[in-house]
Amino acid sequence: MPQPVIVTIPHRLGKDEARRRLQAGLSNVRSHVSDSFVMLKDAWAGDHLDFQASLLGQSTTGSVDVADDHVRLEVQLPWVLAVLANKAKVLVKRQGQFMLEKPTPKR
């Protein structure tokens, strides 16, 4: 049975800028991670993202909701990865903060 991991990351960017940075950051993650992580599907609908990924050979699904002052990430971890849930939560929060804090060049 999957175990949900929920991470809330505060920001001061506003919805549009936070969403733009997350979209750019997710593109960057795809090109710089190893074969142990593969983003299989991602679909943005306004300020909401649904995704499916594979981590260490295990499939997972999740969602991201962007608000004016925070981002909420929920990932459904399979039981094999649920053992690592607390470490994963810290890692996800750190990566999310990095995406939101690091300025990205405007196109």
Protein backbone atom coordinates (compact mmCIF):
# COMPACT_ATOMS: atom_id res chain seq x y z
CA MET A 1 0.00 0.00 0.00
CA PRO A 2 1.50 3.38 -0.97
CA GLN A 3 2.41 5.82 1.77
CA PRO A 4 1.86 9.53 1.08
CA VAL A 5 4.72 11.91 1.74
CA ILE A 6 3.64 15.54 1.91
CA VAL A 7 6.09 18.42 1.76
CA THR A 8 5.15 22.09 2.01
CA ILE A 9 7.74 24.62 0.87
CA PRO A 10 7.14 28.30 1.68
CA HIS A 11 8.14 31.00 -0.80
CA ARG A 12 7.70 34.72 -1.50
CA LEU A 13 7.58 34.55 -5.28
CA GLY A 14 3.89 34.56 -6.11
CA LYS A 15 2.21 31.76 -8.03
CA ASP A 16 3.40 32.59 -11.52
CA GLU A 17 7.10 32.93 -10.69
CA ALA A 18 7.05 29.86 -8.42
CA ARG A 19 5.40 27.78 -11.15
CA ARG A 20 7.88 29.05 -13.76
CA ARG A 21 10.86 28.15 -11.55
CA LEU A 22 9.46 24.72 -10.76
CA GLN A 23 8.85 23.99 -14.44
CA ALA A 24 12.42 25.06 -15.28
CA GLY A 25 13.79 23.11 -12.32
CA LEU A 26 11.95 19.92 -13.28
CA SER A 27 13.36 20.18 -16.80
CA ASN A 28 16.81 20.53 -15.28
CA VAL A 29 16.26 17.53 -12.98
CA ARG A 30 15.40 15.37 -16.00
CA SER A 31 18.68 16.17 -17.71
CA HIS A 32 20.93 15.80 -14.63
CA VAL A 33 19.71 12.78 -12.68
CA SER A 34 20.92 9.25 -13.05
CA ASP A 35 19.06 6.28 -14.44
CA SER A 36 17.72 5.60 -10.93
CA PHE A 37 15.14 8.40 -11.39
CA VAL A 38 12.96 8.73 -14.48
CA MET A 39 10.06 11.15 -14.89
CA LEU A 40 7.54 9.13 -16.88
CA LYS A 41 4.72 11.63 -17.17
CA ASP A 42 3.97 15.14 -16.05
CA ALA A 43 0.91 17.22 -16.83
CA TRP A 44 0.44 20.82 -15.69
CA ALA A 45 -3.10 22.19 -15.42
CA GLY A 46 -2.79 25.78 -14.28
CA ASP A 47 -1.05 25.74 -10.90
CA HIS A 48 -1.41 21.98 -10.42
CA LEU A 49 0.98 19.26 -11.62
CA ASP A 50 0.23 15.54 -11.70
CA PHE A 51 3.22 13.30 -12.31
CA GLN A 52 4.32 9.71 -12.52
CA ALA A 53 7.95 8.75 -11.99
CA SER A 54 10.18 5.77 -11.42
CA LEU A 55 12.70 5.82 -8.60
CA LEU A 56 15.08 2.91 -8.07
CA GLY A 57 12.83 0.76 -10.27
CA GLN A 58 9.70 1.57 -8.24
CA SER A 59 6.81 3.52 -9.76
CA THR A 60 5.36 6.46 -7.89
CA THR A 61 2.74 9.12 -8.52
CA GLY A 62 2.27 12.54 -7.05
CA SER A 63 1.07 16.07 -7.40
CA VAL A 64 2.32 19.60 -6.89
CA ASP A 65 0.09 22.55 -6.06
CA VAL A 66 1.50 26.07 -6.35
CA ALA A 67 -0.02 28.77 -4.13
CA ASP A 68 0.90 32.44 -3.71
CA ASP A 69 3.10 31.73 -0.69
CA HIS A 70 3.89 28.00 -0.71
CA VAL A 71 4.19 24.86 -2.80
CA ARG A 72 2.62 21.60 -1.65
CA LEU A 73 4.06 18.35 -2.96
CA GLU A 74 2.40 14.99 -2.33
CA VAL A 75 4.08 11.78 -3.45
CA GLN A 76 2.63 8.30 -3.08
CA LEU A 77 5.62 6.08 -2.22
CA PRO A 78 5.40 2.31 -2.69
CA TRP A 79 6.09 0.33 0.48
CA VAL A 80 9.66 -0.41 -0.64
CA LEU A 81 10.45 3.31 -0.73
CA ALA A 82 8.23 4.20 2.23
CA VAL A 83 11.03 2.98 4.51
CA LEU A 84 13.05 5.91 3.18
CA ALA A 85 10.16 8.38 3.48
CA ASN A 86 11.70 10.68 6.11
CA LYS A 87 15.00 10.95 4.23
CA ALA A 88 13.11 11.45 0.98
CA LYS A 89 11.03 14.21 2.55
CA VAL A 90 14.14 16.14 3.57
CA LEU A 91 15.71 15.65 0.15
CA VAL A 92 12.57 16.71 -1.72
CA LYS A 93 12.14 19.79 0.45
CA ARG A 94 15.79 20.79 -0.07
CA GLN A 95 15.54 20.34 -3.86
CA GLY A 96 12.24 22.26 -3.98
CA GLN A 97 13.71 25.14 -1.99
CA PHE A 98 16.69 25.18 -4.34
CA MET A 99 14.38 25.40 -7.38
CA LEU A 100 12.37 28.21 -5.82
CA GLU A 101 15.29 30.22 -4.46
CA LYS A 102 17.75 29.99 -7.32
CA PRO A 103 17.05 32.68 -9.93
CA THR A 104 16.63 31.30 -13.42
CA PRO A 105 17.32 33.33 -16.56
CA LYS A 106 14.24 34.76 -18.23
CA ARG A 107 13.67 33.90 -21.85
